[in-house]
Amino acid sequence: MKRSTTLLPQPKLGHLLLLLGVLGLWSVASASAQNLDEGKSATQLFGATCVTCHKSAAGLAKGRMQPTLFLFLKDHYTTSSSEAWALASYLASVDTPPGRSRKSGASKKRQATTPPAQQN
């Protein structure tokens, strides 16, 4: 009895290479890198990445607008646009320009020294 190879055709080399390529791409896609800072609040991001060099977030924005801070942080210190925007928002919110802090302190002193209005 003669065995026939027509029942189960032999795969061609090109088909095997294609199959190996697809399997290789599939395994690489499943092993993609994870962002360890994803889901952290802006305060946590600052504490995890910035506090090493900057002791406090106050004054780091130096009066810059939030979009300017965003572009700088996106290009230099953060891994995603959402993290850069969250950090820029945080820095802008805690920014105290030097002139503003003195004025608010002086106005508080004046309010404390003025006598309260008398009621009739």
N, C-alpha and C. Protein backbone atom coordinates (compact mmCIF):
# COMPACT_ATOMS: atom_id res chain seq x y z
N MET A 1 0.82 -1.16 0.00
CA MET A 1 0.00 0.00 0.00
C MET A 1 0.88 1.24 0.00
N LYS A 2 0.51 2.11 -0.86
CA LYS A 2 1.29 3.32 -1.06
C LYS A 2 0.70 4.46 -0.23
N ARG A 3 1.58 5.13 0.49
CA ARG A 3 1.14 6.28 1.28
C ARG A 3 1.06 7.50 0.39
N SER A 4 0.01 8.23 0.57
CA SER A 4 -0.17 9.42 -0.25
C SER A 4 0.03 10.67 0.61
N THR A 5 0.81 11.57 0.12
CA THR A 5 1.01 12.83 0.83
C THR A 5 0.00 13.88 0.39
N THR A 6 -0.90 13.50 -0.46
CA THR A 6 -1.90 14.46 -0.92
C THR A 6 -2.99 14.68 0.11
N LEU A 7 -3.16 13.78 1.06
CA LEU A 7 -4.17 13.97 2.09
C LEU A 7 -3.77 15.07 3.07
N LEU A 8 -2.54 15.09 3.45
CA LEU A 8 -2.03 16.13 4.35
C LEU A 8 -0.86 16.84 3.66
N PRO A 9 -1.13 17.93 2.98
CA PRO A 9 -0.04 18.60 2.27
C PRO A 9 0.97 19.19 3.25
N GLN A 10 2.18 19.17 2.86
CA GLN A 10 3.26 19.73 3.67
C GLN A 10 3.20 21.26 3.63
N PRO A 11 3.33 21.92 4.79
CA PRO A 11 3.32 23.39 4.78
C PRO A 11 4.57 23.92 4.09
N LYS A 12 4.37 25.04 3.43
CA LYS A 12 5.50 25.66 2.75
C LYS A 12 6.29 26.51 3.74
N LEU A 13 7.52 26.73 3.39
CA LEU A 13 8.40 27.50 4.27
C LEU A 13 7.86 28.91 4.52
N GLY A 14 7.30 29.53 3.52
CA GLY A 14 6.76 30.89 3.67
C GLY A 14 5.61 30.95 4.66
N HIS A 15 4.78 29.92 4.67
CA HIS A 15 3.66 29.87 5.61
C HIS A 15 4.16 29.73 7.04
N LEU A 16 5.19 28.90 7.22
CA LEU A 16 5.77 28.73 8.56
C LEU A 16 6.39 30.03 9.08
N LEU A 17 7.09 30.71 8.20
CA LEU A 17 7.70 31.98 8.61
C LEU A 17 6.64 33.02 8.95
N LEU A 18 5.57 33.05 8.18
CA LEU A 18 4.48 33.98 8.46
C LEU A 18 3.84 33.67 9.81
N LEU A 19 3.61 32.40 10.07
CA LEU A 19 3.03 32.00 11.34
C LEU A 19 3.94 32.37 12.51
N LEU A 20 5.22 32.12 12.37
CA LEU A 20 6.18 32.49 13.42
C LEU A 20 6.22 34.01 13.63
N GLY A 21 6.15 34.76 12.56
CA GLY A 21 6.14 36.21 12.66
C GLY A 21 4.92 36.73 13.40
N VAL A 22 3.76 36.19 13.08
CA VAL A 22 2.52 36.59 13.76
C VAL A 22 2.59 36.24 15.24
N LEU A 23 3.05 35.06 15.55
CA LEU A 23 3.18 34.66 16.96
C LEU A 23 4.19 35.55 17.69
N GLY A 24 5.26 35.91 17.03
CA GLY A 24 6.26 36.78 17.65
C GLY A 24 5.70 38.17 17.94
N LEU A 25 4.97 38.74 16.98
CA LEU A 25 4.35 40.05 17.20
C LEU A 25 3.31 40.00 18.30
N TRP A 26 2.57 38.93 18.35
CA TRP A 26 1.54 38.79 19.37
C TRP A 26 2.16 38.74 20.77
N SER A 27 3.27 38.04 20.91
CA SER A 27 3.91 37.94 22.23
C SER A 27 4.55 39.27 22.63
N VAL A 28 5.08 40.03 21.68
CA VAL A 28 5.67 41.33 21.99
C VAL A 28 4.59 42.32 22.39
N ALA A 29 3.46 42.30 21.71
CA ALA A 29 2.36 43.22 22.03
C ALA A 29 1.81 42.96 23.42
N SER A 30 1.77 41.73 23.84
CA SER A 30 1.23 41.42 25.16
C SER A 30 2.21 41.78 26.27
N ALA A 31 3.47 41.93 25.97
CA ALA A 31 4.48 42.26 26.96
C ALA A 31 4.87 43.73 26.90
N SER A 32 3.93 44.60 26.55
CA SER A 32 4.24 46.03 26.45
C SER A 32 4.52 46.62 27.83
N ALA A 33 5.24 47.72 27.85
CA ALA A 33 5.63 48.36 29.10
C ALA A 33 4.43 48.99 29.79
N GLN A 34 4.47 49.01 31.11
CA GLN A 34 3.41 49.63 31.89
C GLN A 34 3.91 50.94 32.46
N ASN A 35 3.01 51.91 32.56
CA ASN A 35 3.32 53.19 33.16
C ASN A 35 3.07 53.08 34.66
N LEU A 36 4.10 53.11 35.46
CA LEU A 36 3.96 52.95 36.90
C LEU A 36 3.33 54.16 37.58
N ASP A 37 3.35 55.32 36.91
CA ASP A 37 2.77 56.53 37.49
C ASP A 37 1.30 56.72 37.11
N GLU A 38 0.75 55.83 36.30
CA GLU A 38 -0.63 55.98 35.84
C GLU A 38 -1.59 55.87 37.02
N GLY A 39 -2.53 56.80 37.08
CA GLY A 39 -3.54 56.79 38.12
C GLY A 39 -3.15 57.52 39.39
N LYS A 40 -1.95 58.05 39.46
CA LYS A 40 -1.52 58.79 40.64
C LYS A 40 -2.03 60.23 40.55
N SER A 41 -2.31 60.82 41.71
CA SER A 41 -2.72 62.22 41.74
C SER A 41 -1.48 63.09 41.51
N ALA A 42 -1.73 64.37 41.24
CA ALA A 42 -0.62 65.29 40.99
C ALA A 42 0.29 65.40 42.21
N THR A 43 -0.30 65.38 43.40
CA THR A 43 0.50 65.44 44.63
C THR A 43 1.39 64.21 44.76
N GLN A 44 0.84 63.04 44.42
CA GLN A 44 1.63 61.81 44.47
C GLN A 44 2.73 61.82 43.41
N LEU A 45 2.41 62.34 42.21
CA LEU A 45 3.44 62.45 41.17
C LEU A 45 4.58 63.34 41.63
N PHE A 46 4.24 64.48 42.23
CA PHE A 46 5.29 65.38 42.72
C PHE A 46 6.12 64.69 43.79
N GLY A 47 5.46 64.00 44.71
CA GLY A 47 6.17 63.31 45.78
C GLY A 47 7.07 62.19 45.27
N ALA A 48 6.63 61.52 44.20
CA ALA A 48 7.40 60.39 43.69
C ALA A 48 8.55 60.81 42.78
N THR A 49 8.40 61.93 42.08
CA THR A 49 9.41 62.26 41.07
C THR A 49 10.15 63.57 41.29
N CYS A 50 9.52 64.54 41.92
CA CYS A 50 10.12 65.88 41.98
C CYS A 50 10.75 66.21 43.33
N VAL A 51 10.25 65.59 44.39
CA VAL A 51 10.68 65.97 45.73
C VAL A 51 12.15 65.67 45.99
N THR A 52 12.75 64.82 45.19
CA THR A 52 14.17 64.52 45.35
C THR A 52 15.01 65.78 45.18
N CYS A 53 14.65 66.59 44.19
CA CYS A 53 15.42 67.81 43.92
C CYS A 53 14.74 69.07 44.46
N HIS A 54 13.42 69.06 44.53
CA HIS A 54 12.67 70.23 44.96
C HIS A 54 11.95 69.90 46.26
N LYS A 55 12.29 70.60 47.32
CA LYS A 55 11.72 70.29 48.63
C LYS A 55 10.23 70.61 48.71
N SER A 56 9.78 71.63 47.97
CA SER A 56 8.40 72.06 48.01
C SER A 56 7.92 72.44 46.61
N ALA A 57 6.63 72.29 46.38
CA ALA A 57 6.06 72.67 45.08
C ALA A 57 5.78 74.16 45.01
N ALA A 58 5.68 74.81 46.14
CA ALA A 58 5.38 76.24 46.17
C ALA A 58 6.50 77.03 45.50
N GLY A 59 6.12 77.85 44.56
CA GLY A 59 7.09 78.72 43.89
C GLY A 59 7.78 78.11 42.69
N LEU A 60 7.57 76.82 42.41
CA LEU A 60 8.25 76.21 41.25
C LEU A 60 7.71 76.74 39.93
N ALA A 61 6.45 77.08 39.87
CA ALA A 61 5.86 77.57 38.62
C ALA A 61 6.41 78.96 38.27
N LYS A 62 6.83 79.72 39.27
CA LYS A 62 7.43 81.04 39.09
C LYS A 62 6.56 81.96 38.22
N GLY A 63 5.25 81.89 38.42
CA GLY A 63 4.34 82.76 37.70
C GLY A 63 4.07 82.36 36.26
N ARG A 64 4.57 81.23 35.83
CA ARG A 64 4.35 80.81 34.45
C ARG A 64 2.92 80.30 34.27
N MET A 65 2.42 80.43 33.05
CA MET A 65 1.07 79.95 32.75
C MET A 65 1.07 78.43 32.67
N GLN A 66 -0.08 77.85 32.93
CA GLN A 66 -0.21 76.40 32.96
C GLN A 66 0.17 75.74 31.64
N PRO A 67 -0.21 76.27 30.46
CA PRO A 67 0.21 75.62 29.21
C PRO A 67 1.74 75.59 29.03
N THR A 68 2.41 76.63 29.49
CA THR A 68 3.87 76.67 29.40
C THR A 68 4.49 75.58 30.28
N LEU A 69 3.96 75.44 31.50
CA LEU A 69 4.44 74.39 32.39
C LEU A 69 4.18 73.01 31.80
N PHE A 70 2.99 72.84 31.21
CA PHE A 70 2.62 71.57 30.60
C PHE A 70 3.62 71.17 29.52
N LEU A 71 3.93 72.08 28.62
CA LEU A 71 4.85 71.76 27.52
C LEU A 71 6.24 71.40 28.05
N PHE A 72 6.69 72.14 29.05
CA PHE A 72 8.01 71.86 29.63
C PHE A 72 8.02 70.47 30.29
N LEU A 73 7.02 70.20 31.12
CA LEU A 73 6.98 68.92 31.83
C LEU A 73 6.79 67.75 30.88
N LYS A 74 5.99 67.94 29.84
CA LYS A 74 5.75 66.88 28.86
C LYS A 74 7.03 66.49 28.14
N ASP A 75 7.86 67.48 27.81
CA ASP A 75 9.09 67.22 27.08
C ASP A 75 10.22 66.69 27.97
N HIS A 76 10.19 67.00 29.25
CA HIS A 76 11.36 66.70 30.08
C HIS A 76 11.14 65.71 31.22
N TYR A 77 10.01 65.73 31.88
CA TYR A 77 9.94 64.99 33.14
C TYR A 77 8.80 64.00 33.29
N THR A 78 7.81 63.99 32.42
CA THR A 78 6.69 63.07 32.59
C THR A 78 6.61 62.09 31.43
N THR A 79 5.88 61.01 31.64
CA THR A 79 5.80 59.97 30.62
C THR A 79 4.55 60.07 29.76
N SER A 80 3.59 60.91 30.16
CA SER A 80 2.38 61.06 29.34
C SER A 80 1.86 62.48 29.43
N SER A 81 1.02 62.84 28.48
CA SER A 81 0.44 64.18 28.46
C SER A 81 -0.48 64.40 29.65
N SER A 82 -1.22 63.37 30.04
CA SER A 82 -2.14 63.54 31.17
C SER A 82 -1.38 63.80 32.47
N GLU A 83 -0.26 63.13 32.66
CA GLU A 83 0.56 63.39 33.85
C GLU A 83 1.16 64.79 33.81
N ALA A 84 1.60 65.21 32.65
CA ALA A 84 2.17 66.55 32.52
C ALA A 84 1.13 67.61 32.83
N TRP A 85 -0.10 67.42 32.35
CA TRP A 85 -1.16 68.41 32.60
C TRP A 85 -1.54 68.42 34.08
N ALA A 86 -1.65 67.25 34.70
CA ALA A 86 -1.99 67.18 36.12
C ALA A 86 -0.92 67.86 36.96
N LEU A 87 0.33 67.60 36.65
CA LEU A 87 1.42 68.21 37.41
C LEU A 87 1.49 69.71 37.17
N ALA A 88 1.27 70.15 35.94
CA ALA A 88 1.26 71.59 35.64
C ALA A 88 0.12 72.28 36.38
N SER A 89 -1.04 71.66 36.43
CA SER A 89 -2.18 72.23 37.17
C SER A 89 -1.85 72.35 38.65
N TYR A 90 -1.24 71.31 39.18
CA TYR A 90 -0.88 71.32 40.60
C TYR A 90 0.14 72.42 40.91
N LEU A 91 1.18 72.52 40.09
CA LEU A 91 2.19 73.53 40.33
C LEU A 91 1.63 74.93 40.20
N ALA A 92 0.73 75.15 39.23
CA ALA A 92 0.12 76.47 39.07
C ALA A 92 -0.79 76.80 40.25
N SER A 93 -1.44 75.78 40.82
CA SER A 93 -2.35 76.04 41.94
C SER A 93 -1.62 76.36 43.24
N VAL A 94 -0.42 75.84 43.42
CA VAL A 94 0.32 76.11 44.65
C VAL A 94 1.36 77.21 44.48
N ASP A 95 1.41 77.80 43.29
CA ASP A 95 2.40 78.85 43.02
C ASP A 95 2.03 80.12 43.78
N THR A 96 3.00 80.66 44.48
CA THR A 96 2.81 81.93 45.17
C THR A 96 3.89 82.88 44.71
N PRO A 97 3.55 83.79 43.82
CA PRO A 97 4.55 84.76 43.39
C PRO A 97 5.06 85.56 44.58
N PRO A 98 6.33 85.94 44.60
CA PRO A 98 6.91 86.60 45.76
C PRO A 98 6.20 87.89 46.13
N GLY A 99 5.77 88.68 45.18
CA GLY A 99 5.10 89.95 45.48
C GLY A 99 3.76 89.74 46.15
N ARG A 100 3.04 88.72 45.77
CA ARG A 100 1.70 88.49 46.29
C ARG A 100 1.72 88.08 47.75
N SER A 101 2.71 87.29 48.17
CA SER A 101 2.74 86.82 49.55
C SER A 101 3.03 87.97 50.51
N ARG A 102 3.85 88.93 50.11
CA ARG A 102 4.15 90.07 50.97
C ARG A 102 2.93 90.98 51.10
N LYS A 103 2.24 91.21 50.01
CA LYS A 103 1.08 92.10 50.04
C LYS A 103 -0.02 91.52 50.92
N SER A 104 -0.26 90.23 50.81
CA SER A 104 -1.33 89.63 51.61
C SER A 104 -0.97 89.68 53.10
N GLY A 105 0.31 89.52 53.43
CA GLY A 105 0.73 89.62 54.82
C GLY A 105 0.59 91.03 55.34
N ALA A 106 0.91 92.03 54.53
CA ALA A 106 0.79 93.42 54.95
C ALA A 106 -0.67 93.80 55.13
N SER A 107 -1.56 93.34 54.26
CA SER A 107 -2.97 93.70 54.39
C SER A 107 -3.58 93.04 55.62
N LYS A 108 -3.12 91.85 55.98
CA LYS A 108 -3.61 91.21 57.19
C LYS A 108 -3.20 92.00 58.43
N LYS A 109 -1.97 92.54 58.41
CA LYS A 109 -1.51 93.33 59.54
C LYS A 109 -2.34 94.60 59.69
N ARG A 110 -2.64 95.25 58.54
CA ARG A 110 -3.45 96.48 58.59
C ARG A 110 -4.85 96.17 59.10
N GLN A 111 -5.43 95.06 58.69
CA GLN A 111 -6.77 94.71 59.15
C GLN A 111 -6.77 94.42 60.64
N ALA A 112 -5.72 93.86 61.15
CA ALA A 112 -5.65 93.55 62.57
C ALA A 112 -5.50 94.80 63.42
N THR A 113 -4.85 95.85 62.90
CA THR A 113 -4.62 97.06 63.69
C THR A 113 -5.77 98.05 63.62
N THR A 114 -6.64 97.93 62.62
CA THR A 114 -7.77 98.86 62.54
C THR A 114 -8.85 98.44 63.53
N PRO A 115 -9.40 99.41 64.27
CA PRO A 115 -10.42 99.05 65.26
C PRO A 115 -11.72 98.61 64.58
N PRO A 116 -12.45 97.71 65.19
CA PRO A 116 -13.71 97.28 64.60
C PRO A 116 -14.73 98.40 64.62
N ALA A 117 -15.65 98.39 63.67
CA ALA A 117 -16.66 99.43 63.59
C ALA A 117 -17.64 99.30 64.75
N GLN A 118 -18.03 100.43 65.31
CA GLN A 118 -18.96 100.42 66.45
C GLN A 118 -20.39 100.30 65.94
N GLN A 119 -21.18 99.54 66.63
CA GLN A 119 -22.57 99.38 66.26
C GLN A 119 -23.41 100.32 67.09
N ASN A 120 -24.40 100.98 66.52
CA ASN A 120 -25.29 101.89 67.24
C ASN A 120 -26.56 101.21 67.63
